[in-house]
N, C-alpha and C. Protein backbone atom coordinates (compact mmCIF):
# COMPACT_ATOMS: atom_id res chain seq x y z
N MET A 1 13.05 9.05 -2.57
CA MET A 1 12.17 7.92 -2.34
C MET A 1 10.71 8.33 -2.47
N SER A 2 9.89 7.37 -2.71
CA SER A 2 8.47 7.59 -2.92
C SER A 2 7.70 7.76 -1.62
N ASN A 3 6.56 8.39 -1.73
CA ASN A 3 5.63 8.52 -0.61
C ASN A 3 4.71 7.31 -0.65
N VAL A 4 4.78 6.47 0.37
CA VAL A 4 3.99 5.24 0.42
C VAL A 4 2.97 5.37 1.54
N GLU A 5 1.70 5.08 1.20
CA GLU A 5 0.61 5.10 2.18
C GLU A 5 -0.09 3.76 2.12
N ILE A 6 -0.50 3.27 3.29
CA ILE A 6 -1.17 1.98 3.35
C ILE A 6 -2.32 2.05 4.36
N TYR A 7 -3.50 1.66 3.92
CA TYR A 7 -4.69 1.58 4.78
C TYR A 7 -4.77 0.15 5.30
N THR A 8 -4.92 0.02 6.62
CA THR A 8 -4.83 -1.29 7.26
C THR A 8 -5.90 -1.48 8.33
N ARG A 9 -5.91 -2.68 8.86
CA ARG A 9 -6.59 -3.04 10.11
C ARG A 9 -5.56 -3.79 10.94
N ASP A 10 -5.58 -3.61 12.24
CA ASP A 10 -4.56 -4.18 13.12
C ASP A 10 -4.48 -5.71 13.02
N TRP A 11 -5.61 -6.38 12.89
CA TRP A 11 -5.64 -7.84 12.94
C TRP A 11 -5.45 -8.50 11.57
N CYS A 12 -5.20 -7.74 10.53
CA CYS A 12 -5.16 -8.23 9.16
C CYS A 12 -3.81 -8.84 8.80
N GLY A 13 -3.80 -10.13 8.48
CA GLY A 13 -2.57 -10.80 8.08
C GLY A 13 -2.00 -10.29 6.76
N TYR A 14 -2.87 -9.95 5.81
CA TYR A 14 -2.40 -9.40 4.54
C TYR A 14 -1.74 -8.04 4.75
N CYS A 15 -2.27 -7.28 5.68
CA CYS A 15 -1.67 -5.98 6.01
C CYS A 15 -0.27 -6.18 6.57
N ARG A 16 -0.13 -7.16 7.46
CA ARG A 16 1.18 -7.45 8.04
C ARG A 16 2.18 -7.88 6.96
N ARG A 17 1.71 -8.70 6.01
CA ARG A 17 2.59 -9.14 4.92
C ARG A 17 3.04 -7.97 4.05
N ALA A 18 2.10 -7.09 3.71
CA ALA A 18 2.43 -5.93 2.88
C ALA A 18 3.42 -5.02 3.60
N LYS A 19 3.17 -4.76 4.87
CA LYS A 19 4.07 -3.90 5.65
C LYS A 19 5.44 -4.54 5.79
N ALA A 20 5.49 -5.86 5.90
CA ALA A 20 6.77 -6.56 6.01
C ALA A 20 7.59 -6.39 4.73
N LEU A 21 6.94 -6.49 3.57
CA LEU A 21 7.66 -6.31 2.31
C LEU A 21 8.18 -4.88 2.19
N LEU A 22 7.35 -3.91 2.53
CA LEU A 22 7.78 -2.52 2.47
C LEU A 22 8.94 -2.27 3.43
N SER A 23 8.85 -2.82 4.64
CA SER A 23 9.93 -2.66 5.62
C SER A 23 11.21 -3.35 5.15
N GLN A 24 11.06 -4.53 4.55
CA GLN A 24 12.21 -5.28 4.04
C GLN A 24 12.96 -4.45 2.99
N LYS A 25 12.23 -3.64 2.26
CA LYS A 25 12.85 -2.78 1.25
C LYS A 25 13.37 -1.48 1.86
N GLY A 26 13.28 -1.36 3.18
CA GLY A 26 13.81 -0.19 3.87
C GLY A 26 12.99 1.06 3.71
N LEU A 27 11.69 0.89 3.44
CA LEU A 27 10.82 2.04 3.19
C LEU A 27 10.12 2.51 4.44
N ASP A 28 10.01 3.82 4.53
CA ASP A 28 9.11 4.41 5.51
C ASP A 28 7.76 4.54 4.82
N PHE A 29 6.71 4.31 5.56
CA PHE A 29 5.37 4.44 4.98
C PHE A 29 4.44 5.02 6.02
N THR A 30 3.37 5.62 5.53
CA THR A 30 2.35 6.16 6.42
C THR A 30 1.23 5.14 6.47
N GLU A 31 0.89 4.74 7.68
CA GLU A 31 -0.16 3.73 7.88
C GLU A 31 -1.40 4.39 8.45
N TYR A 32 -2.54 4.06 7.85
CA TYR A 32 -3.82 4.54 8.34
C TYR A 32 -4.64 3.33 8.77
N ASP A 33 -4.87 3.18 10.07
CA ASP A 33 -5.69 2.08 10.59
C ASP A 33 -7.15 2.51 10.51
N ILE A 34 -7.91 1.85 9.65
CA ILE A 34 -9.29 2.28 9.41
C ILE A 34 -10.23 1.92 10.56
N GLU A 35 -9.76 1.14 11.52
CA GLU A 35 -10.59 0.86 12.69
C GLU A 35 -10.37 1.91 13.78
N SER A 36 -9.13 2.30 13.99
CA SER A 36 -8.88 3.31 15.02
C SER A 36 -9.17 4.73 14.51
N GLU A 37 -9.19 4.90 13.18
CA GLU A 37 -9.52 6.18 12.57
C GLU A 37 -10.65 5.95 11.55
N PRO A 38 -11.89 5.81 12.01
CA PRO A 38 -12.99 5.43 11.11
C PRO A 38 -13.17 6.34 9.90
N ALA A 39 -12.84 7.61 9.99
CA ALA A 39 -12.98 8.50 8.84
C ALA A 39 -12.05 8.09 7.70
N ARG A 40 -10.98 7.40 8.03
CA ARG A 40 -10.04 6.94 7.00
C ARG A 40 -10.67 5.89 6.08
N ARG A 41 -11.69 5.17 6.56
CA ARG A 41 -12.32 4.15 5.73
C ARG A 41 -12.98 4.78 4.51
N SER A 42 -13.74 5.84 4.70
CA SER A 42 -14.39 6.48 3.55
C SER A 42 -13.34 7.12 2.64
N GLU A 43 -12.28 7.65 3.22
CA GLU A 43 -11.18 8.18 2.42
C GLU A 43 -10.58 7.08 1.55
N MET A 44 -10.36 5.91 2.15
CA MET A 44 -9.81 4.78 1.42
C MET A 44 -10.74 4.36 0.28
N LEU A 45 -12.03 4.28 0.57
CA LEU A 45 -13.00 3.89 -0.46
C LEU A 45 -12.96 4.84 -1.65
N ASP A 46 -12.87 6.12 -1.37
CA ASP A 46 -12.78 7.11 -2.45
C ASP A 46 -11.50 6.94 -3.26
N ARG A 47 -10.42 6.82 -2.58
CA ARG A 47 -9.12 6.74 -3.27
C ARG A 47 -8.93 5.42 -4.00
N ALA A 48 -9.51 4.34 -3.47
CA ALA A 48 -9.31 3.00 -4.04
C ALA A 48 -10.47 2.59 -4.94
N ASN A 49 -11.21 3.55 -5.44
CA ASN A 49 -12.32 3.28 -6.35
C ASN A 49 -13.32 2.26 -5.80
N GLY A 50 -13.63 2.40 -4.50
CA GLY A 50 -14.63 1.56 -3.88
C GLY A 50 -14.14 0.23 -3.33
N ARG A 51 -12.87 -0.07 -3.49
CA ARG A 51 -12.36 -1.34 -2.94
C ARG A 51 -12.43 -1.28 -1.42
N THR A 52 -12.99 -2.32 -0.83
CA THR A 52 -13.24 -2.32 0.61
C THR A 52 -12.25 -3.15 1.42
N SER A 53 -11.48 -3.99 0.76
CA SER A 53 -10.55 -4.85 1.48
C SER A 53 -9.30 -4.07 1.88
N VAL A 54 -8.64 -4.56 2.91
CA VAL A 54 -7.36 -4.00 3.32
C VAL A 54 -6.30 -5.07 3.15
N PRO A 55 -5.08 -4.68 2.91
CA PRO A 55 -4.63 -3.30 2.78
C PRO A 55 -4.97 -2.71 1.41
N GLN A 56 -4.99 -1.40 1.37
CA GLN A 56 -4.99 -0.66 0.11
C GLN A 56 -3.74 0.20 0.14
N ILE A 57 -2.94 0.08 -0.90
CA ILE A 57 -1.61 0.67 -0.93
C ILE A 57 -1.52 1.71 -2.04
N PHE A 58 -0.88 2.82 -1.71
CA PHE A 58 -0.66 3.91 -2.65
C PHE A 58 0.81 4.29 -2.64
N ILE A 59 1.37 4.45 -3.83
CA ILE A 59 2.74 4.92 -3.97
C ILE A 59 2.69 6.20 -4.79
N ASP A 60 3.14 7.29 -4.18
CA ASP A 60 3.06 8.62 -4.79
C ASP A 60 1.65 8.88 -5.32
N ALA A 61 0.67 8.59 -4.48
CA ALA A 61 -0.76 8.80 -4.74
C ALA A 61 -1.33 7.89 -5.82
N GLN A 62 -0.52 7.01 -6.39
CA GLN A 62 -1.00 6.04 -7.38
C GLN A 62 -1.49 4.79 -6.64
N HIS A 63 -2.72 4.38 -6.93
CA HIS A 63 -3.29 3.20 -6.28
C HIS A 63 -2.62 1.95 -6.82
N ILE A 64 -1.99 1.20 -5.93
CA ILE A 64 -1.31 -0.04 -6.28
C ILE A 64 -2.26 -1.22 -6.14
N GLY A 65 -3.12 -1.18 -5.14
CA GLY A 65 -4.03 -2.28 -4.85
C GLY A 65 -3.74 -2.85 -3.49
N GLY A 66 -3.91 -4.15 -3.36
CA GLY A 66 -3.74 -4.82 -2.08
C GLY A 66 -2.41 -5.55 -1.96
N CYS A 67 -2.33 -6.41 -1.00
CA CYS A 67 -1.11 -7.15 -0.71
C CYS A 67 -0.66 -7.99 -1.90
N ASP A 68 -1.59 -8.74 -2.49
CA ASP A 68 -1.23 -9.59 -3.63
C ASP A 68 -0.73 -8.75 -4.80
N ASP A 69 -1.33 -7.58 -5.01
CA ASP A 69 -0.89 -6.69 -6.09
C ASP A 69 0.53 -6.20 -5.83
N LEU A 70 0.82 -5.87 -4.58
CA LEU A 70 2.15 -5.40 -4.20
C LEU A 70 3.19 -6.49 -4.44
N TYR A 71 2.90 -7.71 -4.01
CA TYR A 71 3.83 -8.82 -4.20
C TYR A 71 3.99 -9.16 -5.68
N ALA A 72 2.92 -9.04 -6.46
CA ALA A 72 3.01 -9.30 -7.91
C ALA A 72 3.92 -8.28 -8.58
N LEU A 73 3.80 -7.02 -8.20
CA LEU A 73 4.71 -5.98 -8.73
C LEU A 73 6.16 -6.33 -8.41
N ASP A 74 6.39 -6.77 -7.18
CA ASP A 74 7.74 -7.12 -6.77
C ASP A 74 8.25 -8.32 -7.56
N ALA A 75 7.40 -9.33 -7.75
CA ALA A 75 7.80 -10.53 -8.49
C ALA A 75 8.16 -10.21 -9.95
N ARG A 76 7.48 -9.22 -10.52
CA ARG A 76 7.76 -8.81 -11.90
C ARG A 76 8.95 -7.85 -11.99
N GLY A 77 9.54 -7.50 -10.85
CA GLY A 77 10.67 -6.59 -10.83
C GLY A 77 10.28 -5.14 -11.06
N GLN A 78 9.02 -4.80 -10.87
CA GLN A 78 8.55 -3.44 -11.13
C GLN A 78 8.42 -2.59 -9.88
N LEU A 79 8.40 -3.20 -8.72
CA LEU A 79 8.18 -2.45 -7.49
C LEU A 79 9.33 -1.50 -7.19
N ASP A 80 10.56 -1.98 -7.29
CA ASP A 80 11.70 -1.13 -6.96
C ASP A 80 11.75 0.10 -7.85
N ALA A 81 11.49 -0.07 -9.14
CA ALA A 81 11.49 1.08 -10.07
C ALA A 81 10.39 2.07 -9.70
N LEU A 82 9.25 1.55 -9.32
CA LEU A 82 8.14 2.43 -8.92
C LEU A 82 8.50 3.21 -7.65
N LEU A 83 9.15 2.54 -6.73
CA LEU A 83 9.52 3.17 -5.47
C LEU A 83 10.61 4.23 -5.62
N THR A 84 11.42 4.11 -6.63
CA THR A 84 12.49 5.08 -6.85
C THR A 84 12.10 6.12 -7.90
N GLY A 85 10.85 6.03 -8.38
CA GLY A 85 10.38 7.01 -9.36
C GLY A 85 10.92 6.77 -10.75
N GLN A 86 11.39 5.56 -11.03
CA GLN A 86 11.96 5.27 -12.33
C GLN A 86 11.08 4.36 -13.18
N ALA A 87 9.83 4.15 -12.76
CA ALA A 87 8.92 3.29 -13.53
C ALA A 87 8.67 3.91 -14.89
N GLY A 88 8.72 3.10 -15.92
CA GLY A 88 8.42 3.56 -17.27
C GLY A 88 9.55 4.32 -17.93
N GLN A 89 10.74 4.35 -17.31
CA GLN A 89 11.85 5.09 -17.92
C GLN A 89 12.77 4.13 -18.62
């Protein structure tokens, strides 16, 4: 399985939606709350090419984007392949 990381804020509805989809797929993920760990915010900005909104999602260190990007990947049937390391095969 893939290494999934997500930068969040506790009160963010989009963060909750993204985490719900990942959980629905039975995935473990590492969550970084940028409010409780302020240093994670600058890390997120660097990794996400300056994107400031949350969530910011990474699968195997590849920047996926936010909640809408994650759901769009799923709707196109590409998320499962990415999560199993079979994207592009």
